[in-house]
């Protein structure tokens, strides 16, 4: 079981969160030009990375914020967590 350090609520059990997928992949454009294949690939086709990886996690049973969690997929060690709504400039 993971203990995820929410920047707003403190360290919480993984059961309070919902996994949201890779934070390293770009979502298809929302301008209507992306086709069914683009959305299928984004939603259903996933890599299974080893090592450091950034993921979206939704604190669904807490503050309801979306977070970006950088964790090691082999050890489950969490290196960094930040609010997904903040730009990289705001995080510094």
PDB file of N, CA and C in Angstrom:
ATOM      1  N   UNK A   1       0.841  -1.172   0.000  1.00  0.00           N
ATOM      2  CA  UNK A   1       0.000   0.000   0.000  1.00  0.00           C
ATOM      3  C   UNK A   1       0.889   1.240   0.000  1.00  0.00           C
ATOM      4  N   UNK A   2       0.572   2.186  -0.870  1.00  0.00           N
ATOM      5  CA  UNK A   2       1.320   3.436  -0.938  1.00  0.00           C
ATOM      6  C   UNK A   2       0.807   4.434   0.091  1.00  0.00           C
ATOM      7  N   UNK A   3       1.711   5.233   0.608  1.00  0.00           N
ATOM      8  CA  UNK A   3       1.354   6.399   1.402  1.00  0.00           C
ATOM      9  C   UNK A   3       1.747   7.606   0.558  1.00  0.00           C
ATOM     10  N   UNK A   4       0.753   8.357   0.108  1.00  0.00           N
ATOM     11  CA  UNK A   4       0.987   9.477  -0.795  1.00  0.00           C
ATOM     12  C   UNK A   4       0.929  10.774   0.001  1.00  0.00           C
ATOM     13  N   UNK A   5       2.015  11.570  -0.029  1.00  0.00           N
ATOM     14  CA  UNK A   5       2.021  12.835   0.704  1.00  0.00           C
ATOM     15  C   UNK A   5       1.304  13.939  -0.079  1.00  0.00           C
ATOM     16  N   UNK A   6       0.028  14.134   0.200  1.00  0.00           N
ATOM     17  CA  UNK A   6      -0.751  15.182  -0.457  1.00  0.00           C
ATOM     18  C   UNK A   6      -0.251  16.544   0.035  1.00  0.00           C
ATOM     19  N   UNK A   7       0.047  17.478  -0.879  1.00  0.00           N
ATOM     20  CA  UNK A   7       0.525  18.792  -0.455  1.00  0.00           C
ATOM     21  C   UNK A   7      -0.508  19.561   0.379  1.00  0.00           C
ATOM     22  N   UNK A   8      -1.783  19.201   0.267  1.00  0.00           N
ATOM     23  CA  UNK A   8      -2.854  19.922   0.960  1.00  0.00           C
ATOM     24  C   UNK A   8      -3.307  19.211   2.238  1.00  0.00           C
ATOM     25  N   UNK A   9      -3.286  17.872   2.256  1.00  0.00           N
ATOM     26  CA  UNK A   9      -3.863  17.105   3.363  1.00  0.00           C
ATOM     27  C   UNK A   9      -2.827  16.343   4.188  1.00  0.00           C
ATOM     28  N   UNK A  10      -1.592  16.289   3.727  1.00  0.00           N
ATOM     29  CA  UNK A  10      -0.574  15.494   4.405  1.00  0.00           C
ATOM     30  C   UNK A  10      -0.554  14.072   3.863  1.00  0.00           C
ATOM     31  N   UNK A  11       0.211  13.216   4.504  1.00  0.00           N
ATOM     32  CA  UNK A  11       0.375  11.832   4.053  1.00  0.00           C
ATOM     33  C   UNK A  11      -0.928  11.055   4.213  1.00  0.00           C
ATOM     34  N   UNK A  12      -1.364  10.423   3.123  1.00  0.00           N
ATOM     35  CA  UNK A  12      -2.624   9.686   3.114  1.00  0.00           C
ATOM     36  C   UNK A  12      -2.438   8.334   2.449  1.00  0.00           C
ATOM     37  N   UNK A  13      -3.312   7.404   2.814  1.00  0.00           N
ATOM     38  CA  UNK A  13      -3.304   6.061   2.255  1.00  0.00           C
ATOM     39  C   UNK A  13      -3.749   6.093   0.789  1.00  0.00           C
ATOM     40  N   UNK A  14      -3.150   5.239  -0.003  1.00  0.00           N
ATOM     41  CA  UNK A  14      -3.464   5.122  -1.435  1.00  0.00           C
ATOM     42  C   UNK A  14      -4.967   4.925  -1.689  1.00  0.00           C
ATOM     43  N   UNK A  15      -5.680   4.311  -0.752  1.00  0.00           N
ATOM     44  CA  UNK A  15      -7.110   4.029  -0.942  1.00  0.00           C
ATOM     45  C   UNK A  15      -7.947   5.308  -1.053  1.00  0.00           C
ATOM     46  N   UNK A  16      -7.398   6.461  -0.645  1.00  0.00           N
ATOM     47  CA  UNK A  16      -8.110   7.739  -0.776  1.00  0.00           C
ATOM     48  C   UNK A  16      -7.985   8.321  -2.176  1.00  0.00           C
ATOM     49  N   UNK A  17      -7.142   7.720  -3.016  1.00  0.00           N
ATOM     50  CA  UNK A  17      -6.824   8.276  -4.329  1.00  0.00           C
ATOM     51  C   UNK A  17      -7.336   7.390  -5.458  1.00  0.00           C
ATOM     52  N   UNK A  18      -7.494   7.996  -6.619  1.00  0.00           N
ATOM     53  CA  UNK A  18      -7.823   7.277  -7.841  1.00  0.00           C
ATOM     54  C   UNK A  18      -6.693   7.530  -8.835  1.00  0.00           C
ATOM     55  N   UNK A  19      -6.142   6.454  -9.399  1.00  0.00           N
ATOM     56  CA  UNK A  19      -5.059   6.567 -10.374  1.00  0.00           C
ATOM     57  C   UNK A  19      -5.593   7.195 -11.650  1.00  0.00           C
ATOM     58  N   UNK A  20      -4.854   8.150 -12.204  1.00  0.00           N
ATOM     59  CA  UNK A  20      -5.311   8.858 -13.395  1.00  0.00           C
ATOM     60  C   UNK A  20      -4.465   8.665 -14.631  1.00  0.00           C
ATOM     61  N   UNK A  21      -3.480   7.780 -14.586  1.00  0.00           N
ATOM     62  CA  UNK A  21      -2.671   7.520 -15.771  1.00  0.00           C
ATOM     63  C   UNK A  21      -1.361   8.280 -15.777  1.00  0.00           C
ATOM     64  N   UNK A  22      -0.630   8.113 -16.847  1.00  0.00           N
ATOM     65  CA  UNK A  22       0.689   8.717 -16.995  1.00  0.00           C
ATOM     66  C   UNK A  22       0.589  10.227 -17.142  1.00  0.00           C
ATOM     67  N   UNK A  23       1.436  10.936 -16.431  1.00  0.00           N
ATOM     68  CA  UNK A  23       1.520  12.389 -16.573  1.00  0.00           C
ATOM     69  C   UNK A  23       2.581  12.765 -17.592  1.00  0.00           C
ATOM     70  N   UNK A  24       3.125  11.775 -18.259  1.00  0.00           N
ATOM     71  CA  UNK A  24       4.182  12.012 -19.236  1.00  0.00           C
ATOM     72  C   UNK A  24       3.675  11.954 -20.669  1.00  0.00           C
ATOM     73  N   UNK A  25       2.400  11.661 -20.847  1.00  0.00           N
ATOM     74  CA  UNK A  25       1.817  11.566 -22.191  1.00  0.00           C
ATOM     75  C   UNK A  25       0.965  12.793 -22.473  1.00  0.00           C
ATOM     76  N   UNK A  26       0.989  13.247 -23.691  1.00  0.00           N
ATOM     77  CA  UNK A  26       0.182  14.401 -24.083  1.00  0.00           C
ATOM     78  C   UNK A  26      -1.212  13.935 -24.500  1.00  0.00           C
ATOM     79  N   UNK A  27      -2.224  14.625 -23.995  1.00  0.00           N
ATOM     80  CA  UNK A  27      -3.604  14.331 -24.362  1.00  0.00           C
ATOM     81  C   UNK A  27      -3.850  14.869 -25.777  1.00  0.00           C
ATOM     82  N   UNK A  28      -4.665  14.177 -26.581  1.00  0.00           N
ATOM     83  CA  UNK A  28      -4.996  14.702 -27.906  1.00  0.00           C
ATOM     84  C   UNK A  28      -5.644  16.085 -27.791  1.00  0.00           C
ATOM     85  N   UNK A  29      -5.446  16.888 -28.800  1.00  0.00           N
ATOM     86  CA  UNK A  29      -5.995  18.252 -28.810  1.00  0.00           C
ATOM     87  C   UNK A  29      -7.517  18.209 -28.687  1.00  0.00           C
ATOM     88  N   UNK A  30      -8.052  19.187 -27.978  1.00  0.00           N
ATOM     89  CA  UNK A  30      -9.501  19.253 -27.757  1.00  0.00           C
ATOM     90  C   UNK A  30     -10.205  20.110 -28.804  1.00  0.00           C
ATOM     91  N   UNK A  31      -9.536  20.346 -29.931  1.00  0.00           N
ATOM     92  CA  UNK A  31     -10.105  21.191 -30.976  1.00  0.00           C
ATOM     93  C   UNK A  31     -10.988  20.425 -31.960  1.00  0.00           C
ATOM     94  N   UNK A  32     -11.235  19.139 -31.695  1.00  0.00           N
ATOM     95  CA  UNK A  32     -12.092  18.326 -32.557  1.00  0.00           C
ATOM     96  C   UNK A  32     -11.358  17.656 -33.700  1.00  0.00           C
ATOM     97  N   UNK A  33     -10.056  17.889 -33.830  1.00  0.00           N
ATOM     98  CA  UNK A  33      -9.297  17.312 -34.933  1.00  0.00           C
ATOM     99  C   UNK A  33      -8.766  15.910 -34.618  1.00  0.00           C
ATOM    100  N   UNK A  34      -8.708  15.561 -33.349  1.00  0.00           N
ATOM    101  CA  UNK A  34      -8.228  14.224 -32.973  1.00  0.00           C
ATOM    102  C   UNK A  34      -9.299  13.193 -33.315  1.00  0.00           C
ATOM    103  N   UNK A  35      -8.871  12.093 -33.894  1.00  0.00           N
ATOM    104  CA  UNK A  35      -9.805  11.053 -34.287  1.00  0.00           C
ATOM    105  C   UNK A  35      -9.974   9.978 -33.221  1.00  0.00           C
ATOM    106  N   UNK A  36     -10.827   9.010 -33.527  1.00  0.00           N
ATOM    107  CA  UNK A  36     -11.106   7.898 -32.620  1.00  0.00           C
ATOM    108  C   UNK A  36      -9.834   7.121 -32.278  1.00  0.00           C
ATOM    109  N   UNK A  37      -8.960   6.922 -33.262  1.00  0.00           N
ATOM    110  CA  UNK A  37      -7.715   6.184 -33.013  1.00  0.00           C
ATOM    111  C   UNK A  37      -6.816   6.927 -32.016  1.00  0.00           C
ATOM    112  N   UNK A  38      -6.758   8.258 -32.147  1.00  0.00           N
ATOM    113  CA  UNK A  38      -5.945   9.058 -31.217  1.00  0.00           C
ATOM    114  C   UNK A  38      -6.452   8.898 -29.788  1.00  0.00           C
ATOM    115  N   UNK A  39      -7.774   9.000 -29.606  1.00  0.00           N
ATOM    116  CA  UNK A  39      -8.349   8.873 -28.263  1.00  0.00           C
ATOM    117  C   UNK A  39      -8.243   7.456 -27.729  1.00  0.00           C
ATOM    118  N   UNK A  40      -8.415   6.468 -28.598  1.00  0.00           N
ATOM    119  CA  UNK A  40      -8.257   5.074 -28.175  1.00  0.00           C
ATOM    120  C   UNK A  40      -6.833   4.848 -27.663  1.00  0.00           C
ATOM    121  N   UNK A  41      -5.853   5.315 -28.418  1.00  0.00           N
ATOM    122  CA  UNK A  41      -4.452   5.137 -28.012  1.00  0.00           C
ATOM    123  C   UNK A  41      -4.185   5.852 -26.685  1.00  0.00           C
ATOM    124  N   UNK A  42      -4.712   7.055 -26.511  1.00  0.00           N
ATOM    125  CA  UNK A  42      -4.469   7.811 -25.284  1.00  0.00           C
ATOM    126  C   UNK A  42      -5.107   7.142 -24.069  1.00  0.00           C
ATOM    127  N   UNK A  43      -6.326   6.659 -24.215  1.00  0.00           N
ATOM    128  CA  UNK A  43      -7.063   6.093 -23.079  1.00  0.00           C
ATOM    129  C   UNK A  43      -6.661   4.652 -22.776  1.00  0.00           C
ATOM    130  N   UNK A  44      -6.436   3.834 -23.814  1.00  0.00           N
ATOM    131  CA  UNK A  44      -6.291   2.397 -23.596  1.00  0.00           C
ATOM    132  C   UNK A  44      -4.897   1.812 -23.799  1.00  0.00           C
ATOM    133  N   UNK A  45      -4.049   2.435 -24.595  1.00  0.00           N
ATOM    134  CA  UNK A  45      -2.736   1.880 -24.888  1.00  0.00           C
ATOM    135  C   UNK A  45      -1.724   2.511 -23.930  1.00  0.00           C
ATOM    136  N   UNK A  46      -1.124   1.685 -23.092  1.00  0.00           N
ATOM    137  CA  UNK A  46      -0.221   2.197 -22.060  1.00  0.00           C
ATOM    138  C   UNK A  46       1.090   1.435 -22.056  1.00  0.00           C
ATOM    139  N   UNK A  47       2.137   2.159 -21.690  1.00  0.00           N
ATOM    140  CA  UNK A  47       3.435   1.528 -21.448  1.00  0.00           C
ATOM    141  C   UNK A  47       3.422   0.988 -20.021  1.00  0.00           C
ATOM    142  N   UNK A  48       4.379   0.144 -19.713  1.00  0.00           N
ATOM    143  CA  UNK A  48       4.559  -0.355 -18.358  1.00  0.00           C
ATOM    144  C   UNK A  48       5.994  -0.017 -17.952  1.00  0.00           C
ATOM    145  N   UNK A  49       6.235   1.272 -17.606  1.00  0.00           N
ATOM    146  CA  UNK A  49       7.605   1.723 -17.382  1.00  0.00           C
ATOM    147  C   UNK A  49       8.228   1.136 -16.111  1.00  0.00           C
ATOM    148  N   UNK A  50       9.533   1.009 -16.134  1.00  0.00           N
ATOM    149  CA  UNK A  50      10.296   0.582 -14.958  1.00  0.00           C
ATOM    150  C   UNK A  50      11.099   1.775 -14.477  1.00  0.00           C
ATOM    151  N   UNK A  51      11.077   2.017 -13.178  1.00  0.00           N
ATOM    152  CA  UNK A  51      11.860   3.112 -12.621  1.00  0.00           C
ATOM    153  C   UNK A  51      11.018   4.369 -12.400  1.00  0.00           C
ATOM    154  N   UNK A  52      11.681   5.529 -12.410  1.00  0.00           N
ATOM    155  CA  UNK A  52      11.009   6.801 -12.142  1.00  0.00           C
ATOM    156  C   UNK A  52       9.963   7.100 -13.204  1.00  0.00           C
ATOM    157  N   UNK A  53       8.795   7.509 -12.750  1.00  0.00           N
ATOM    158  CA  UNK A  53       7.675   7.754 -13.663  1.00  0.00           C
ATOM    159  C   UNK A  53       6.738   8.768 -13.015  1.00  0.00           C
ATOM    160  N   UNK A  54       6.202   9.694 -13.796  1.00  0.00           N
ATOM    161  CA  UNK A  54       5.234  10.684 -13.294  1.00  0.00           C
ATOM    162  C   UNK A  54       3.820  10.228 -13.632  1.00  0.00           C
ATOM    163  N   UNK A  55       2.943  10.269 -12.628  1.00  0.00           N
ATOM    164  CA  UNK A  55       1.567   9.782 -12.785  1.00  0.00           C
ATOM    165  C   UNK A  55       0.583  10.801 -12.213  1.00  0.00           C
ATOM    166  N   UNK A  56      -0.622  10.832 -12.782  1.00  0.00           N
ATOM    167  CA  UNK A  56      -1.710  11.621 -12.211  1.00  0.00           C
ATOM    168  C   UNK A  56      -2.429  10.781 -11.162  1.00  0.00           C
ATOM    169  N   UNK A  57      -2.704  11.385 -10.020  1.00  0.00           N
ATOM    170  CA  UNK A  57      -3.509  10.762  -8.975  1.00  0.00           C
ATOM    171  C   UNK A  57      -4.535  11.798  -8.524  1.00  0.00           C
ATOM    172  N   UNK A  58      -5.782  11.383  -8.399  1.00  0.00           N
ATOM    173  CA  UNK A  58      -6.855  12.264  -7.941  1.00  0.00           C
ATOM    174  C   UNK A  58      -7.155  11.937  -6.487  1.00  0.00           C
ATOM    175  N   UNK A  59      -7.090  12.952  -5.613  1.00  0.00           N
ATOM    176  CA  UNK A  59      -7.379  12.725  -4.189  1.00  0.00           C
ATOM    177  C   UNK A  59      -8.903  12.741  -4.022  1.00  0.00           C
ATOM    178  N   UNK A  60      -9.531  11.679  -4.493  1.00  0.00           N
ATOM    179  CA  UNK A  60     -10.992  11.589  -4.595  1.00  0.00           C
ATOM    180  C   UNK A  60     -11.698  11.510  -3.248  1.00  0.00           C
ATOM    181  N   UNK A  61     -11.023  11.035  -2.217  1.00  0.00           N
ATOM    182  CA  UNK A  61     -11.627  10.957  -0.885  1.00  0.00           C
ATOM    183  C   UNK A  61     -10.897  11.888   0.075  1.00  0.00           C
ATOM    184  N   UNK A  62     -10.526  13.042  -0.427  1.00  0.00           N
ATOM    185  CA  UNK A  62      -9.810  14.036   0.367  1.00  0.00           C
ATOM    186  C   UNK A  62     -10.112  15.420  -0.183  1.00  0.00           C
ATOM    187  N   UNK A  63      -9.075  16.133  -0.568  1.00  0.00           N
ATOM    188  CA  UNK A  63      -9.227  17.512  -1.041  1.00  0.00           C
ATOM    189  C   UNK A  63      -9.754  17.597  -2.472  1.00  0.00           C
ATOM    190  N   UNK A  64      -9.836  16.463  -3.168  1.00  0.00           N
ATOM    191  CA  UNK A  64     -10.314  16.357  -4.548  1.00  0.00           C
ATOM    192  C   UNK A  64      -9.427  17.075  -5.560  1.00  0.00           C
ATOM    193  N   UNK A  65      -8.161  17.297  -5.208  1.00  0.00           N
ATOM    194  CA  UNK A  65      -7.204  17.912  -6.127  1.00  0.00           C
ATOM    195  C   UNK A  65      -6.549  16.820  -6.973  1.00  0.00           C
ATOM    196  N   UNK A  66      -6.145  17.194  -8.193  1.00  0.00           N
ATOM    197  CA  UNK A  66      -5.332  16.318  -9.024  1.00  0.00           C
ATOM    198  C   UNK A  66      -3.875  16.573  -8.690  1.00  0.00           C
ATOM    199  N   UNK A  67      -3.115  15.509  -8.505  1.00  0.00           N
ATOM    200  CA  UNK A  67      -1.708  15.600  -8.161  1.00  0.00           C
ATOM    201  C   UNK A  67      -0.866  14.912  -9.219  1.00  0.00           C
ATOM    202  N   UNK A  68       0.375  15.349  -9.340  1.00  0.00           N
ATOM    203  CA  UNK A  68       1.363  14.624 -10.136  1.00  0.00           C
ATOM    204  C   UNK A  68       2.328  14.000  -9.142  1.00  0.00           C
ATOM    205  N   UNK A  69       2.393  12.676  -9.187  1.00  0.00           N
ATOM    206  CA  UNK A  69       3.229  11.916  -8.267  1.00  0.00           C
ATOM    207  C   UNK A  69       4.377  11.309  -9.066  1.00  0.00           C
ATOM    208  N   UNK A  70       5.596  11.641  -8.668  1.00  0.00           N
ATOM    209  CA  UNK A  70       6.763  11.017  -9.292  1.00  0.00           C
ATOM    210  C   UNK A  70       7.193   9.883  -8.376  1.00  0.00           C
ATOM    211  N   UNK A  71       7.086   8.650  -8.890  1.00  0.00           N
ATOM    212  CA  UNK A  71       7.432   7.505  -8.063  1.00  0.00           C
ATOM    213  C   UNK A  71       8.210   6.485  -8.869  1.00  0.00           C
ATOM    214  N   UNK A  72       8.904   5.628  -8.154  1.00  0.00           N
ATOM    215  CA  UNK A  72       9.656   4.542  -8.760  1.00  0.00           C
ATOM    216  C   UNK A  72       8.722   3.342  -8.845  1.00  0.00           C
ATOM    217  N   UNK A  73       8.470   2.868 -10.051  1.00  0.00           N
ATOM    218  CA  UNK A  73       7.518   1.766 -10.232  1.00  0.00           C
ATOM    219  C   UNK A  73       8.065   0.420  -9.760  1.00  0.00           C
ATOM    220  N   UNK A  74       9.358   0.345  -9.497  1.00  0.00           N
ATOM    221  CA  UNK A  74       9.926  -0.903  -8.975  1.00  0.00           C
ATOM    222  C   UNK A  74       9.869  -0.953  -7.454  1.00  0.00           C
ATOM    223  N   UNK A  75      10.183   0.164  -6.803  1.00  0.00           N
ATOM    224  CA  UNK A  75      10.234   0.186  -5.340  1.00  0.00           C
ATOM    225  C   UNK A  75       8.998   0.845  -4.714  1.00  0.00           C
ATOM    226  N   UNK A  76       8.220   1.545  -5.531  1.00  0.00           N
ATOM    227  CA  UNK A  76       7.067   2.342  -5.091  1.00  0.00           C
ATOM    228  C   UNK A  76       7.468   3.532  -4.230  1.00  0.00           C
ATOM    229  N   UNK A  77       8.755   3.852  -4.186  1.00  0.00           N
ATOM    230  CA  UNK A  77       9.218   5.032  -3.469  1.00  0.00           C
ATOM    231  C   UNK A  77       8.766   6.301  -4.167  1.00  0.00           C
ATOM    232  N   UNK A  78       8.248   7.238  -3.413  1.00  0.00           N
ATOM    233  CA  UNK A  78       7.753   8.492  -3.977  1.00  0.00           C
ATOM    234  C   UNK A  78       8.821   9.567  -3.820  1.00  0.00           C
ATOM    235  N   UNK A  79       9.234  10.148  -4.957  1.00  0.00           N
ATOM    236  CA  UNK A  79      10.282  11.165  -4.951  1.00  0.00           C
ATOM    237  C   UNK A  79       9.705  12.565  -4.778  1.00  0.00           C
ATOM    238  N   UNK A  80       8.557  12.829  -5.402  1.00  0.00           N
ATOM    239  CA  UNK A  80       8.001  14.185  -5.390  1.00  0.00           C
ATOM    240  C   UNK A  80       6.500  14.126  -5.668  1.00  0.00           C
ATOM    241  N   UNK A  81       5.759  15.040  -5.052  1.00  0.00           N
ATOM    242  CA  UNK A  81       4.322  15.178  -5.307  1.00  0.00           C
ATOM    243  C   UNK A  81       4.017  16.662  -5.403  1.00  0.00           C
ATOM    244  N   UNK A  82       3.257  17.051  -6.432  1.00  0.00           N
ATOM    245  CA  UNK A  82       2.828  18.444  -6.508  1.00  0.00           C
ATOM    246  C   UNK A  82       1.451  18.535  -7.148  1.00  0.00           C
ATOM    247  N   UNK A  83       0.799  19.647  -6.921  1.00  0.00           N
ATOM    248  CA  UNK A  83      -0.536  19.907  -7.444  1.00  0.00           C
ATOM    249  C   UNK A  83      -0.459  20.017  -8.962  1.00  0.00           C
ATOM    250  N   UNK A  84      -1.264  19.263  -9.675  1.00  0.00           N
ATOM    251  CA  UNK A  84      -1.222  19.261 -11.135  1.00  0.00           C
ATOM    252  C   UNK A  84      -1.679  20.591 -11.729  1.00  0.00           C
ATOM    253  N   UNK A  85      -2.445  21.378 -10.970  1.00  0.00           N
ATOM    254  CA  UNK A  85      -2.942  22.654 -11.486  1.00  0.00           C
ATOM    255  C   UNK A  85      -1.890  23.753 -11.450  1.00  0.00           C
ATOM    256  N   UNK A  86      -0.811  23.563 -10.700  1.00  0.00           N
ATOM    257  CA  UNK A  86       0.226  24.585 -10.615  1.00  0.00           C
ATOM    258  C   UNK A  86       1.230  24.414 -11.727  1.00  0.00           C
ATOM    259  N   UNK A  87       1.650  25.520 -12.337  1.00  0.00           N
ATOM    260  CA  UNK A  87       2.686  25.458 -13.365  1.00  0.00           C
ATOM    261  C   UNK A  87       4.016  25.184 -12.691  1.00  0.00           C
ATOM    262  N   UNK A  88       5.003  24.805 -13.473  1.00  0.00           N
ATOM    263  CA  UNK A  88       6.324  24.526 -12.900  1.00  0.00           C
ATOM    264  C   UNK A  88       6.927  25.780 -12.273  1.00  0.00           C
ATOM    265  N   UNK A  89       6.576  26.970 -12.777  1.00  0.00           N
ATOM    266  CA  UNK A  89       7.071  28.215 -12.184  1.00  0.00           C
ATOM    267  C   UNK A  89       6.465  28.443 -10.797  1.00  0.00           C
ATOM    268  N   UNK A  90       5.197  28.065 -10.616  1.00  0.00           N
ATOM    269  CA  UNK A  90       4.518  28.246  -9.330  1.00  0.00           C
ATOM    270  C   UNK A  90       5.033  27.277  -8.275  1.00  0.00           C
ATOM    271  N   UNK A  91       5.617  26.144  -8.710  1.00  0.00           N
ATOM    272  CA  UNK A  91       6.083  25.132  -7.779  1.00  0.00           C
ATOM    273  C   UNK A  91       7.410  25.496  -7.135  1.00  0.00           C
ATOM    274  N   UNK A  92       8.167  26.358  -7.756  1.00  0.00           N
ATOM    275  CA  UNK A  92       9.521  26.692  -7.264  1.00  0.00           C
ATOM    276  C   UNK A  92       9.491  27.491  -5.980  1.00  0.00           C
TER     277      UNK A  92
END
